[in-house]
Amino acid sequence: MISNPLANLVKRSPLVSIQEHMRAVLECAREVPGLLEALSDGNTLEFEQIKDRICAKEDEADKIKNALRGRLPKSLFMPIDRRDLLEVLHIQDSIADTAQDIADLLFERQMKIPEEMKEPILVATRSSLDVCEFSLKVIEELDELLEMGFRGNEARQVEEMVDKLNRIEDDADAAERALAQTLFRIESKLDPVSVIMWYRIIEWIGDLADYAEKVGDRIRLFIAR
């Protein structure tokens, strides 16, 4: 009998599935800078290929999420409430959803990046990805945290990591503001609908970092309890 890898995943500690889901989510976010680079370079074929990869990876992340959510027991024999784990799962899922939202809107509207925005948008996107990358490092510490009962040196180390995550997110916020200011300066050159769509894209780029920071903040709450 062939085993179902997703079923095997959730038979282990739910934290393993949370970590696996975050890795899948990050695979989506990692594609966004390349998506914008391809758009900036006018490489339509590469842009569409990356867009398709984001959709496929978001689907894989959804499969892990749904498998865990559907099989998570009502009572967990660990110092984490089931509702808290589901909240972390939801926040992580928002990262993948946002990456797909960015790809879909850019594709559906056939948007072209204004020359003045090309560098700032890549800087902002890479800064947001930095937050997502570091958020995964925090999630990867969940095993050790559980083993130590969310106390002691491991807990202090994770709290320091979350502090660093917050600082990295501050840098991403600054890059997002710089990008928005660039768009504000060139608004008169663009049609009104394009301006609205670009502000939406900028907001979503910032959301990647915001959701990643929220993941870390939830882990801090685990420790505080």
N, C-alpha and C. Protein backbone atom coordinates (compact mmCIF):
# COMPACT_ATOMS: atom_id res chain seq x y z
N MET A 1 0.85 -1.20 0.00
CA MET A 1 0.00 0.00 0.00
C MET A 1 0.88 1.24 0.00
N ILE A 2 0.61 2.14 -0.92
CA ILE A 2 1.40 3.37 -1.02
C ILE A 2 0.89 4.38 0.00
N SER A 3 1.82 4.92 0.78
CA SER A 3 1.42 5.88 1.81
C SER A 3 1.22 7.26 1.22
N ASN A 4 0.36 8.01 1.84
CA ASN A 4 0.10 9.39 1.44
C ASN A 4 1.06 10.30 2.21
N PRO A 5 1.98 11.01 1.53
CA PRO A 5 2.95 11.84 2.25
C PRO A 5 2.30 12.92 3.08
N LEU A 6 1.17 13.47 2.61
CA LEU A 6 0.49 14.50 3.40
C LEU A 6 -0.11 13.90 4.66
N ALA A 7 -0.65 12.67 4.55
CA ALA A 7 -1.21 12.01 5.73
C ALA A 7 -0.11 11.70 6.72
N ASN A 8 1.04 11.25 6.22
CA ASN A 8 2.17 10.97 7.11
C ASN A 8 2.64 12.22 7.81
N LEU A 9 2.58 13.33 7.09
CA LEU A 9 3.03 14.60 7.65
C LEU A 9 2.23 14.99 8.88
N VAL A 10 0.91 14.89 8.82
CA VAL A 10 0.09 15.34 9.92
C VAL A 10 -0.01 14.31 11.03
N LYS A 11 0.43 13.03 10.76
CA LYS A 11 0.47 12.05 11.84
C LYS A 11 1.56 12.40 12.84
N ARG A 12 2.58 13.11 12.39
CA ARG A 12 3.62 13.53 13.30
C ARG A 12 3.14 14.78 14.04
N SER A 13 4.05 15.39 14.78
CA SER A 13 3.69 16.59 15.53
C SER A 13 3.10 17.64 14.59
N PRO A 14 2.02 18.32 15.01
CA PRO A 14 1.46 19.40 14.18
C PRO A 14 2.50 20.47 13.86
N LEU A 15 3.49 20.62 14.72
CA LEU A 15 4.52 21.63 14.48
C LEU A 15 5.32 21.30 13.22
N VAL A 16 5.49 20.01 12.93
CA VAL A 16 6.19 19.61 11.71
C VAL A 16 5.43 20.10 10.49
N SER A 17 4.11 19.97 10.53
CA SER A 17 3.30 20.43 9.42
C SER A 17 3.31 21.95 9.30
N ILE A 18 3.31 22.65 10.43
CA ILE A 18 3.41 24.11 10.42
C ILE A 18 4.72 24.53 9.75
N GLN A 19 5.80 23.86 10.10
CA GLN A 19 7.10 24.18 9.50
C GLN A 19 7.11 23.86 8.01
N GLU A 20 6.56 22.69 7.66
CA GLU A 20 6.51 22.29 6.26
C GLU A 20 5.67 23.29 5.45
N HIS A 21 4.59 23.74 6.03
CA HIS A 21 3.74 24.72 5.35
C HIS A 21 4.48 26.03 5.14
N MET A 22 5.22 26.48 6.15
CA MET A 22 5.95 27.73 6.01
C MET A 22 7.02 27.62 4.93
N ARG A 23 7.66 26.47 4.82
CA ARG A 23 8.65 26.28 3.75
C ARG A 23 7.98 26.38 2.38
N ALA A 24 6.80 25.78 2.26
CA ALA A 24 6.07 25.84 0.99
C ALA A 24 5.63 27.27 0.68
N VAL A 25 5.18 27.97 1.70
CA VAL A 25 4.77 29.37 1.56
C VAL A 25 5.95 30.22 1.09
N LEU A 26 7.11 29.97 1.68
CA LEU A 26 8.28 30.75 1.32
C LEU A 26 8.69 30.51 -0.13
N GLU A 27 8.46 29.28 -0.62
CA GLU A 27 8.74 29.00 -2.02
C GLU A 27 7.93 29.91 -2.94
N CYS A 28 6.71 30.24 -2.55
CA CYS A 28 5.90 31.18 -3.33
C CYS A 28 6.51 32.58 -3.29
N ALA A 29 6.83 33.04 -2.08
CA ALA A 29 7.35 34.40 -1.91
C ALA A 29 8.69 34.58 -2.63
N ARG A 30 9.50 33.53 -2.65
CA ARG A 30 10.82 33.62 -3.30
C ARG A 30 10.72 33.88 -4.79
N GLU A 31 9.59 33.58 -5.39
CA GLU A 31 9.42 33.78 -6.83
C GLU A 31 9.07 35.22 -7.19
N VAL A 32 8.61 36.00 -6.22
CA VAL A 32 8.10 37.34 -6.53
C VAL A 32 9.18 38.29 -7.06
N PRO A 33 10.39 38.34 -6.45
CA PRO A 33 11.40 39.23 -7.04
C PRO A 33 11.71 38.89 -8.50
N GLY A 34 11.84 37.60 -8.80
CA GLY A 34 12.10 37.20 -10.18
C GLY A 34 10.96 37.56 -11.11
N LEU A 35 9.73 37.48 -10.61
CA LEU A 35 8.56 37.87 -11.39
C LEU A 35 8.66 39.33 -11.80
N LEU A 36 9.02 40.18 -10.84
CA LEU A 36 9.11 41.61 -11.13
C LEU A 36 10.33 41.94 -11.99
N GLU A 37 11.40 41.19 -11.82
CA GLU A 37 12.57 41.39 -12.68
C GLU A 37 12.22 41.06 -14.13
N ALA A 38 11.50 39.96 -14.33
CA ALA A 38 11.11 39.58 -15.69
C ALA A 38 10.19 40.64 -16.29
N LEU A 39 9.27 41.16 -15.48
CA LEU A 39 8.37 42.21 -15.95
C LEU A 39 9.15 43.47 -16.29
N SER A 40 10.12 43.81 -15.44
CA SER A 40 10.94 44.99 -15.66
C SER A 40 11.75 44.88 -16.95
N ASP A 41 12.23 43.65 -17.23
CA ASP A 41 13.05 43.43 -18.43
C ASP A 41 12.22 43.22 -19.68
N GLY A 42 10.89 43.14 -19.51
CA GLY A 42 10.04 42.90 -20.66
C GLY A 42 10.11 41.46 -21.17
N ASN A 43 10.52 40.54 -20.30
CA ASN A 43 10.64 39.14 -20.68
C ASN A 43 9.30 38.44 -20.41
N THR A 44 8.43 38.48 -21.38
CA THR A 44 7.06 37.97 -21.20
C THR A 44 7.03 36.48 -20.91
N LEU A 45 7.85 35.70 -21.63
CA LEU A 45 7.85 34.25 -21.44
C LEU A 45 8.27 33.89 -20.02
N GLU A 46 9.37 34.48 -19.56
CA GLU A 46 9.84 34.18 -18.21
C GLU A 46 8.82 34.63 -17.17
N PHE A 47 8.22 35.80 -17.40
CA PHE A 47 7.22 36.30 -16.47
C PHE A 47 6.07 35.30 -16.33
N GLU A 48 5.57 34.80 -17.45
CA GLU A 48 4.45 33.86 -17.40
C GLU A 48 4.86 32.54 -16.75
N GLN A 49 6.07 32.11 -16.99
CA GLN A 49 6.55 30.87 -16.36
C GLN A 49 6.63 31.01 -14.85
N ILE A 50 7.14 32.16 -14.39
CA ILE A 50 7.23 32.39 -12.95
C ILE A 50 5.84 32.51 -12.34
N LYS A 51 4.94 33.19 -13.05
CA LYS A 51 3.57 33.31 -12.56
C LYS A 51 2.94 31.94 -12.38
N ASP A 52 3.17 31.05 -13.34
CA ASP A 52 2.62 29.70 -13.25
C ASP A 52 3.25 28.93 -12.09
N ARG A 53 4.54 29.15 -11.85
CA ARG A 53 5.20 28.47 -10.73
C ARG A 53 4.62 28.94 -9.40
N ILE A 54 4.35 30.23 -9.29
CA ILE A 54 3.75 30.75 -8.06
C ILE A 54 2.41 30.10 -7.81
N CYS A 55 1.59 29.98 -8.86
CA CYS A 55 0.27 29.35 -8.71
C CYS A 55 0.41 27.90 -8.28
N ALA A 56 1.35 27.18 -8.89
CA ALA A 56 1.54 25.77 -8.54
C ALA A 56 2.04 25.61 -7.11
N LYS A 57 2.95 26.48 -6.71
CA LYS A 57 3.49 26.39 -5.35
C LYS A 57 2.46 26.82 -4.30
N GLU A 58 1.62 27.78 -4.66
CA GLU A 58 0.55 28.17 -3.75
C GLU A 58 -0.42 27.02 -3.56
N ASP A 59 -0.66 26.28 -4.63
CA ASP A 59 -1.54 25.12 -4.54
C ASP A 59 -0.95 24.05 -3.64
N GLU A 60 0.36 23.82 -3.72
CA GLU A 60 1.02 22.85 -2.85
C GLU A 60 0.93 23.28 -1.38
N ALA A 61 1.11 24.58 -1.14
CA ALA A 61 0.99 25.08 0.22
C ALA A 61 -0.43 24.88 0.75
N ASP A 62 -1.42 25.07 -0.12
CA ASP A 62 -2.82 24.86 0.28
C ASP A 62 -3.08 23.40 0.65
N LYS A 63 -2.47 22.48 -0.08
CA LYS A 63 -2.66 21.06 0.22
C LYS A 63 -2.15 20.72 1.62
N ILE A 64 -0.98 21.27 1.97
CA ILE A 64 -0.43 21.04 3.31
C ILE A 64 -1.33 21.67 4.35
N LYS A 65 -1.78 22.89 4.08
CA LYS A 65 -2.67 23.59 5.03
C LYS A 65 -3.95 22.81 5.25
N ASN A 66 -4.57 22.38 4.18
CA ASN A 66 -5.85 21.68 4.30
C ASN A 66 -5.70 20.32 4.98
N ALA A 67 -4.58 19.65 4.71
CA ALA A 67 -4.34 18.36 5.35
C ALA A 67 -4.19 18.52 6.85
N LEU A 68 -3.45 19.53 7.26
CA LEU A 68 -3.26 19.77 8.70
C LEU A 68 -4.55 20.23 9.35
N ARG A 69 -5.22 21.17 8.73
CA ARG A 69 -6.43 21.73 9.31
C ARG A 69 -7.53 20.67 9.44
N GLY A 70 -7.59 19.76 8.47
CA GLY A 70 -8.62 18.75 8.51
C GLY A 70 -8.37 17.64 9.50
N ARG A 71 -7.10 17.43 9.89
CA ARG A 71 -6.78 16.31 10.77
C ARG A 71 -6.25 16.74 12.13
N LEU A 72 -6.18 18.03 12.37
CA LEU A 72 -5.67 18.50 13.65
C LEU A 72 -6.63 18.11 14.76
N PRO A 73 -6.17 17.37 15.78
CA PRO A 73 -7.08 16.93 16.85
C PRO A 73 -7.62 18.11 17.65
N LYS A 74 -8.77 17.91 18.25
CA LYS A 74 -9.39 18.96 19.06
C LYS A 74 -8.54 19.30 20.27
N SER A 75 -7.89 18.29 20.82
CA SER A 75 -7.05 18.50 22.01
C SER A 75 -5.61 18.15 21.66
N LEU A 76 -4.70 19.05 21.96
CA LEU A 76 -3.29 18.82 21.71
C LEU A 76 -2.56 18.64 23.03
N PHE A 77 -1.75 17.60 23.11
CA PHE A 77 -0.99 17.36 24.32
C PHE A 77 0.33 18.12 24.25
N MET A 78 0.21 19.44 24.17
CA MET A 78 1.38 20.31 24.12
C MET A 78 0.93 21.70 24.58
N PRO A 79 1.89 22.54 25.00
CA PRO A 79 1.53 23.86 25.55
C PRO A 79 1.16 24.89 24.49
N ILE A 80 0.43 24.46 23.47
CA ILE A 80 -0.04 25.37 22.42
C ILE A 80 -1.50 25.05 22.16
N ASP A 81 -2.32 26.05 22.15
CA ASP A 81 -3.73 25.86 21.88
C ASP A 81 -3.94 25.59 20.38
N ARG A 82 -4.90 24.73 20.09
CA ARG A 82 -5.23 24.40 18.70
C ARG A 82 -5.57 25.65 17.91
N ARG A 83 -6.30 26.57 18.52
CA ARG A 83 -6.68 27.80 17.83
C ARG A 83 -5.46 28.65 17.48
N ASP A 84 -4.45 28.61 18.36
CA ASP A 84 -3.23 29.37 18.08
C ASP A 84 -2.48 28.80 16.89
N LEU A 85 -2.42 27.47 16.81
CA LEU A 85 -1.76 26.85 15.66
C LEU A 85 -2.49 27.17 14.36
N LEU A 86 -3.81 27.13 14.42
CA LEU A 86 -4.59 27.47 13.23
C LEU A 86 -4.40 28.92 12.83
N GLU A 87 -4.23 29.80 13.81
CA GLU A 87 -3.98 31.21 13.50
C GLU A 87 -2.63 31.38 12.80
N VAL A 88 -1.60 30.68 13.29
CA VAL A 88 -0.30 30.73 12.62
C VAL A 88 -0.42 30.22 11.20
N LEU A 89 -1.13 29.12 11.04
CA LEU A 89 -1.34 28.54 9.71
C LEU A 89 -2.02 29.54 8.78
N HIS A 90 -3.03 30.24 9.30
CA HIS A 90 -3.75 31.23 8.50
C HIS A 90 -2.84 32.38 8.08
N ILE A 91 -2.03 32.86 9.01
CA ILE A 91 -1.13 33.97 8.69
C ILE A 91 -0.11 33.55 7.65
N GLN A 92 0.46 32.36 7.83
CA GLN A 92 1.42 31.86 6.84
C GLN A 92 0.76 31.74 5.47
N ASP A 93 -0.44 31.24 5.45
CA ASP A 93 -1.17 31.07 4.20
C ASP A 93 -1.37 32.40 3.48
N SER A 94 -1.52 33.46 4.26
CA SER A 94 -1.72 34.79 3.66
C SER A 94 -0.51 35.23 2.87
N ILE A 95 0.68 34.77 3.24
CA ILE A 95 1.89 35.11 2.49
C ILE A 95 1.82 34.52 1.09
N ALA A 96 1.47 33.23 1.02
CA ALA A 96 1.36 32.58 -0.29
C ALA A 96 0.24 33.19 -1.12
N ASP A 97 -0.88 33.46 -0.48
CA ASP A 97 -2.02 34.08 -1.19
C ASP A 97 -1.63 35.43 -1.76
N THR A 98 -0.88 36.22 -0.99
CA THR A 98 -0.48 37.55 -1.44
C THR A 98 0.48 37.46 -2.61
N ALA A 99 1.41 36.51 -2.56
CA ALA A 99 2.32 36.31 -3.69
C ALA A 99 1.53 36.00 -4.96
N GLN A 100 0.51 35.16 -4.84
CA GLN A 100 -0.31 34.84 -6.01
C GLN A 100 -1.15 36.04 -6.44
N ASP A 101 -1.65 36.82 -5.49
CA ASP A 101 -2.42 38.02 -5.84
C ASP A 101 -1.57 38.97 -6.68
N ILE A 102 -0.32 39.15 -6.28
CA ILE A 102 0.59 40.03 -7.02
C ILE A 102 0.77 39.52 -8.45
N ALA A 103 1.06 38.22 -8.56
CA ALA A 103 1.28 37.63 -9.88
C ALA A 103 0.03 37.73 -10.75
N ASP A 104 -1.13 37.45 -10.18
CA ASP A 104 -2.37 37.46 -10.95
C ASP A 104 -2.72 38.85 -11.46
N LEU A 105 -2.59 39.85 -10.58
CA LEU A 105 -2.96 41.21 -11.00
C LEU A 105 -2.01 41.73 -12.08
N LEU A 106 -0.72 41.50 -11.90
CA LEU A 106 0.25 41.95 -12.90
C LEU A 106 -0.02 41.29 -14.25
N PHE A 107 -0.41 40.01 -14.21
CA PHE A 107 -0.66 39.28 -15.46
C PHE A 107 -1.98 39.70 -16.10
N GLU A 108 -3.02 39.76 -15.28
CA GLU A 108 -4.36 40.05 -15.84
C GLU A 108 -4.43 41.44 -16.45
N ARG A 109 -3.75 42.41 -15.84
CA ARG A 109 -3.81 43.78 -16.36
C ARG A 109 -2.66 44.10 -17.31
N GLN A 110 -1.76 43.09 -17.52
CA GLN A 110 -0.63 43.30 -18.41
C GLN A 110 0.11 44.59 -18.03
N MET A 111 0.42 44.73 -16.75
CA MET A 111 1.01 45.96 -16.25
C MET A 111 2.48 46.08 -16.64
N LYS A 112 2.91 47.29 -16.88
CA LYS A 112 4.30 47.59 -17.20
C LYS A 112 4.85 48.48 -16.10
N ILE A 113 6.02 48.15 -15.60
CA ILE A 113 6.60 48.93 -14.51
C ILE A 113 7.16 50.24 -15.07
N PRO A 114 6.71 51.39 -14.56
CA PRO A 114 7.31 52.67 -14.98
C PRO A 114 8.81 52.67 -14.71
N GLU A 115 9.56 53.29 -15.58
CA GLU A 115 11.02 53.27 -15.47
C GLU A 115 11.50 53.73 -14.10
N GLU A 116 10.86 54.78 -13.58
CA GLU A 116 11.29 55.34 -12.29
C GLU A 116 11.05 54.37 -11.12
N MET A 117 10.17 53.42 -11.32
CA MET A 117 9.82 52.50 -10.23
C MET A 117 10.61 51.20 -10.27
N LYS A 118 11.33 50.95 -11.34
CA LYS A 118 11.95 49.63 -11.52
C LYS A 118 12.91 49.28 -10.38
N GLU A 119 13.80 50.16 -10.04
CA GLU A 119 14.73 49.85 -8.96
C GLU A 119 14.05 49.84 -7.59
N PRO A 120 13.25 50.88 -7.25
CA PRO A 120 12.61 50.88 -5.94
C PRO A 120 11.69 49.68 -5.70
N ILE A 121 11.01 49.19 -6.75
CA ILE A 121 10.09 48.08 -6.53
C ILE A 121 10.85 46.78 -6.27
N LEU A 122 12.01 46.63 -6.90
CA LEU A 122 12.82 45.44 -6.64
C LEU A 122 13.43 45.50 -5.25
N VAL A 123 13.86 46.69 -4.84
CA VAL A 123 14.41 46.85 -3.48
C VAL A 123 13.35 46.52 -2.44
N ALA A 124 12.14 47.05 -2.63
CA ALA A 124 11.06 46.81 -1.67
C ALA A 124 10.68 45.33 -1.63
N THR A 125 10.63 44.70 -2.78
CA THR A 125 10.25 43.28 -2.83
C THR A 125 11.29 42.40 -2.17
N ARG A 126 12.55 42.67 -2.45
CA ARG A 126 13.62 41.88 -1.82
C ARG A 126 13.65 42.10 -0.31
N SER A 127 13.35 43.33 0.12
CA SER A 127 13.31 43.62 1.55
C SER A 127 12.18 42.84 2.23
N SER A 128 11.03 42.78 1.58
CA SER A 128 9.92 42.00 2.12
C SER A 128 10.26 40.51 2.17
N LEU A 129 10.95 40.04 1.14
CA LEU A 129 11.36 38.63 1.12
C LEU A 129 12.33 38.34 2.26
N ASP A 130 13.20 39.28 2.58
CA ASP A 130 14.12 39.10 3.71
C ASP A 130 13.34 38.81 5.00
N VAL A 131 12.23 39.50 5.18
CA VAL A 131 11.41 39.29 6.38
C VAL A 131 10.82 37.88 6.35
N CYS A 132 10.34 37.46 5.20
CA CYS A 132 9.78 36.12 5.07
C CYS A 132 10.83 35.05 5.35
N GLU A 133 12.02 35.25 4.82
CA GLU A 133 13.11 34.29 5.03
C GLU A 133 13.44 34.15 6.51
N PHE A 134 13.51 35.28 7.21
CA PHE A 134 13.87 35.22 8.62
C PHE A 134 12.72 34.66 9.45
N SER A 135 11.50 34.90 9.00
CA SER A 135 10.35 34.33 9.70
C SER A 135 10.41 32.80 9.69
N LEU A 136 10.86 32.22 8.58
CA LEU A 136 11.02 30.77 8.53
C LEU A 136 12.02 30.30 9.57
N LYS A 137 13.10 31.06 9.76
CA LYS A 137 14.09 30.68 10.78
C LYS A 137 13.45 30.61 12.16
N VAL A 138 12.55 31.54 12.43
CA VAL A 138 11.85 31.53 13.73
C VAL A 138 10.97 30.29 13.83
N ILE A 139 10.23 29.99 12.76
CA ILE A 139 9.34 28.83 12.77
C ILE A 139 10.14 27.53 12.94
N GLU A 140 11.33 27.49 12.38
CA GLU A 140 12.15 26.28 12.48
C GLU A 140 12.59 26.00 13.91
N GLU A 141 12.46 26.99 14.78
CA GLU A 141 12.84 26.80 16.18
C GLU A 141 11.72 26.20 17.02
N LEU A 142 10.54 25.98 16.43
CA LEU A 142 9.41 25.49 17.21
C LEU A 142 9.69 24.14 17.87
N ASP A 143 10.42 23.26 17.17
CA ASP A 143 10.72 21.95 17.76
C ASP A 143 11.50 22.09 19.06
N GLU A 144 12.55 22.92 18.99
CA GLU A 144 13.37 23.13 20.19
C GLU A 144 12.57 23.81 21.29
N LEU A 145 11.73 24.76 20.90
CA LEU A 145 10.90 25.44 21.89
C LEU A 145 9.98 24.46 22.61
N LEU A 146 9.37 23.58 21.86
CA LEU A 146 8.48 22.59 22.45
C LEU A 146 9.24 21.67 23.39
N GLU A 147 10.41 21.24 22.95
CA GLU A 147 11.23 20.33 23.77
C GLU A 147 11.62 20.99 25.09
N MET A 148 11.84 22.29 25.05
CA MET A 148 12.24 23.02 26.26
C MET A 148 11.04 23.58 27.02
N GLY A 149 9.83 23.22 26.57
CA GLY A 149 8.64 23.70 27.27
C GLY A 149 8.42 25.19 27.13
N PHE A 150 8.92 25.77 26.03
CA PHE A 150 8.78 27.21 25.76
C PHE A 150 9.37 28.05 26.89
N ARG A 151 10.45 27.56 27.46
CA ARG A 151 11.13 28.26 28.55
C ARG A 151 12.63 28.18 28.36
N GLY A 152 13.37 28.88 29.21
CA GLY A 152 14.82 28.76 29.25
C GLY A 152 15.54 29.49 28.15
N ASN A 153 16.78 29.02 27.88
CA ASN A 153 17.65 29.70 26.92
C ASN A 153 17.07 29.70 25.51
N GLU A 154 16.41 28.60 25.13
CA GLU A 154 15.82 28.52 23.80
C GLU A 154 14.75 29.58 23.62
N ALA A 155 13.93 29.78 24.64
CA ALA A 155 12.88 30.79 24.57
C ALA A 155 13.48 32.19 24.45
N ARG A 156 14.53 32.44 25.22
CA ARG A 156 15.18 33.76 25.13
C ARG A 156 15.80 33.98 23.75
N GLN A 157 16.39 32.91 23.21
CA GLN A 157 16.99 33.02 21.89
C GLN A 157 15.94 33.34 20.84
N VAL A 158 14.79 32.68 20.92
CA VAL A 158 13.72 32.92 19.95
C VAL A 158 13.16 34.33 20.11
N GLU A 159 13.03 34.80 21.34
CA GLU A 159 12.57 36.17 21.54
C GLU A 159 13.52 37.16 20.90
N GLU A 160 14.83 36.90 20.99
CA GLU A 160 15.81 37.77 20.34
C GLU A 160 15.67 37.70 18.82
N MET A 161 15.37 36.50 18.32
CA MET A 161 15.16 36.36 16.88
C MET A 161 13.93 37.14 16.42
N VAL A 162 12.88 37.12 17.23
CA VAL A 162 11.67 37.87 16.87
C VAL A 162 11.96 39.37 16.90
N ASP A 163 12.77 39.81 17.86
CA ASP A 163 13.18 41.22 17.89
C ASP A 163 13.91 41.59 16.59
N LYS A 164 14.80 40.70 16.15
CA LYS A 164 15.52 40.96 14.90
C LYS A 164 14.56 40.95 13.72
N LEU A 165 13.59 40.05 13.75
CA LEU A 165 12.57 40.01 12.70
C LEU A 165 11.84 41.34 12.61
N ASN A 166 11.50 41.90 13.75
CA ASN A 166 10.81 43.20 13.78
C ASN A 166 11.68 44.30 13.17
N ARG A 167 12.99 44.25 13.42
CA ARG A 167 13.89 45.26 12.85
C ARG A 167 14.00 45.11 11.34
N ILE A 168 14.05 43.87 10.87
CA ILE A 168 14.11 43.63 9.43
C ILE A 168 12.83 44.13 8.76
N GLU A 169 11.71 43.92 9.45
CA GLU A 169 10.43 44.39 8.90
C GLU A 169 10.39 45.91 8.86
N ASP A 170 11.02 46.57 9.82
CA ASP A 170 11.10 48.04 9.78
C ASP A 170 11.83 48.50 8.52
N ASP A 171 12.90 47.79 8.15
CA ASP A 171 13.63 48.12 6.92
C ASP A 171 12.75 47.93 5.70
N ALA A 172 11.94 46.86 5.72
CA ALA A 172 11.02 46.61 4.60
C ALA A 172 9.98 47.72 4.51
N ASP A 173 9.50 48.19 5.67
CA ASP A 173 8.54 49.30 5.68
C ASP A 173 9.15 50.55 5.04
N ALA A 174 10.42 50.81 5.36
CA ALA A 174 11.09 51.98 4.80
C ALA A 174 11.21 51.86 3.28
N ALA A 175 11.51 50.66 2.79
CA ALA A 175 11.63 50.45 1.35
C ALA A 175 10.27 50.60 0.67
N GLU A 176 9.22 50.13 1.36
CA GLU A 176 7.87 50.27 0.81
C GLU A 176 7.47 51.75 0.74
N ARG A 177 7.80 52.52 1.77
CA ARG A 177 7.48 53.95 1.74
C ARG A 177 8.21 54.67 0.62
N ALA A 178 9.48 54.30 0.42
CA ALA A 178 10.26 54.92 -0.66
C ALA A 178 9.65 54.61 -2.02
N LEU A 179 9.16 53.39 -2.19
CA LEU A 179 8.50 53.00 -3.43
C LEU A 179 7.21 53.79 -3.63
N ALA A 180 6.42 53.90 -2.58
CA ALA A 180 5.16 54.66 -2.67
C ALA A 180 5.43 56.12 -3.00
N GLN A 181 6.49 56.69 -2.43
CA GLN A 181 6.84 58.08 -2.71
C GLN A 181 7.24 58.26 -4.18
N THR A 182 7.93 57.25 -4.71
CA THR A 182 8.30 57.31 -6.12
C THR A 182 7.05 57.32 -7.00
N LEU A 183 6.11 56.45 -6.68
CA LEU A 183 4.86 56.43 -7.45
C LEU A 183 4.11 57.75 -7.32
N PHE A 184 4.11 58.32 -6.14
CA PHE A 184 3.42 59.60 -5.92
C PHE A 184 4.00 60.68 -6.84
N ARG A 185 5.33 60.67 -7.00
CA ARG A 185 5.99 61.71 -7.81
C ARG A 185 5.66 61.59 -9.29
N ILE A 186 5.32 60.38 -9.75
CA ILE A 186 5.09 60.19 -11.19
C ILE A 186 3.61 59.94 -11.52
N GLU A 187 2.74 60.14 -10.55
CA GLU A 187 1.32 59.88 -10.76
C GLU A 187 0.76 60.58 -12.00
N SER A 188 1.18 61.80 -12.24
CA SER A 188 0.63 62.59 -13.34
C SER A 188 0.97 61.99 -14.71
N LYS A 189 1.98 61.12 -14.76
CA LYS A 189 2.37 60.49 -16.02
C LYS A 189 1.54 59.24 -16.34
N LEU A 190 0.80 58.77 -15.36
CA LEU A 190 0.07 57.50 -15.51
C LEU A 190 -1.43 57.74 -15.54
N ASP A 191 -2.15 56.79 -16.11
CA ASP A 191 -3.60 56.90 -16.08
C ASP A 191 -4.09 56.55 -14.67
N PRO A 192 -5.22 57.10 -14.25
CA PRO A 192 -5.69 56.93 -12.86
C PRO A 192 -5.86 55.48 -12.43
N VAL A 193 -6.36 54.62 -13.32
CA VAL A 193 -6.55 53.21 -12.93
C VAL A 193 -5.20 52.54 -12.68
N SER A 194 -4.21 52.84 -13.50
CA SER A 194 -2.87 52.27 -13.29
C SER A 194 -2.29 52.72 -11.96
N VAL A 195 -2.52 53.97 -11.61
CA VAL A 195 -2.03 54.48 -10.32
C VAL A 195 -2.64 53.67 -9.18
N ILE A 196 -3.95 53.45 -9.25
CA ILE A 196 -4.64 52.69 -8.20
C ILE A 196 -4.09 51.27 -8.13
N MET A 197 -3.88 50.64 -9.29
CA MET A 197 -3.38 49.27 -9.31
C MET A 197 -1.97 49.18 -8.76
N TRP A 198 -1.15 50.17 -9.06
CA TRP A 198 0.22 50.13 -8.55
C TRP A 198 0.26 50.35 -7.04
N TYR A 199 -0.61 51.20 -6.53
CA TYR A 199 -0.67 51.35 -5.07
C TYR A 199 -1.12 50.04 -4.42
N ARG A 200 -1.98 49.32 -5.09
CA ARG A 200 -2.43 48.02 -4.56
C ARG A 200 -1.26 47.03 -4.55
N ILE A 201 -0.49 47.01 -5.63
CA ILE A 201 0.68 46.12 -5.69
C ILE A 201 1.67 46.47 -4.58
N ILE A 202 1.90 47.77 -4.39
CA ILE A 202 2.82 48.21 -3.34
C ILE A 202 2.33 47.75 -1.97
N GLU A 203 1.03 47.88 -1.76
CA GLU A 203 0.46 47.43 -0.48
C GLU A 203 0.67 45.94 -0.28
N TRP A 204 0.48 45.16 -1.33
CA TRP A 204 0.65 43.71 -1.22
C TRP A 204 2.11 43.34 -0.98
N ILE A 205 3.03 44.06 -1.61
CA ILE A 205 4.45 43.81 -1.35
C ILE A 205 4.75 44.03 0.13
N GLY A 206 4.18 45.09 0.69
CA GLY A 206 4.33 45.34 2.12
C GLY A 206 3.67 44.28 2.96
N ASP A 207 2.54 43.75 2.47
CA ASP A 207 1.82 42.71 3.22
C ASP A 207 2.66 41.45 3.38
N LEU A 208 3.49 41.12 2.39
CA LEU A 208 4.37 39.96 2.52
C LEU A 208 5.20 40.06 3.79
N ALA A 209 5.78 41.23 4.01
CA ALA A 209 6.59 41.45 5.21
C ALA A 209 5.73 41.50 6.46
N ASP A 210 4.57 42.15 6.37
CA ASP A 210 3.69 42.27 7.54
C ASP A 210 3.24 40.91 8.05
N TYR A 211 2.81 40.05 7.13
CA TYR A 211 2.36 38.71 7.55
C TYR A 211 3.51 37.90 8.14
N ALA A 212 4.69 38.03 7.54
CA ALA A 212 5.85 37.30 8.07
C ALA A 212 6.18 37.76 9.48
N GLU A 213 6.08 39.06 9.72
CA GLU A 213 6.33 39.58 11.06
C GLU A 213 5.28 39.07 12.04
N LYS A 214 4.04 38.98 11.60
CA LYS A 214 2.97 38.50 12.48
C LYS A 214 3.20 37.05 12.90
N VAL A 215 3.79 36.26 12.01
CA VAL A 215 4.12 34.88 12.37
C VAL A 215 5.06 34.88 13.57
N GLY A 216 6.09 35.69 13.51
CA GLY A 216 7.02 35.78 14.63
C GLY A 216 6.36 36.28 15.90
N ASP A 217 5.47 37.25 15.75
CA ASP A 217 4.78 37.79 16.93
C ASP A 217 3.90 36.73 17.60
N ARG A 218 3.31 35.84 16.79
CA ARG A 218 2.51 34.76 17.38
C ARG A 218 3.38 33.80 18.17
N ILE A 219 4.58 33.55 17.66
CA ILE A 219 5.50 32.66 18.39
C ILE A 219 5.91 33.31 19.71
N ARG A 220 6.08 34.61 19.72
CA ARG A 220 6.40 35.31 20.97
C ARG A 220 5.27 35.13 21.99
N LEU A 221 4.03 35.16 21.49
CA LEU A 221 2.89 34.93 22.40
C LEU A 221 2.92 33.53 23.00
N PHE A 222 3.34 32.53 22.22
CA PHE A 222 3.47 31.18 22.77
C PHE A 222 4.39 31.18 23.99
N ILE A 223 5.49 31.90 23.85
CA ILE A 223 6.49 31.95 24.92
C ILE A 223 5.93 32.71 26.12
N ALA A 224 5.22 33.80 25.84
CA ALA A 224 4.68 34.64 26.93
C ALA A 224 3.66 33.87 27.78
N ARG A 225 2.99 32.91 27.19
CA ARG A 225 1.97 32.16 27.92
C ARG A 225 2.58 31.04 28.75
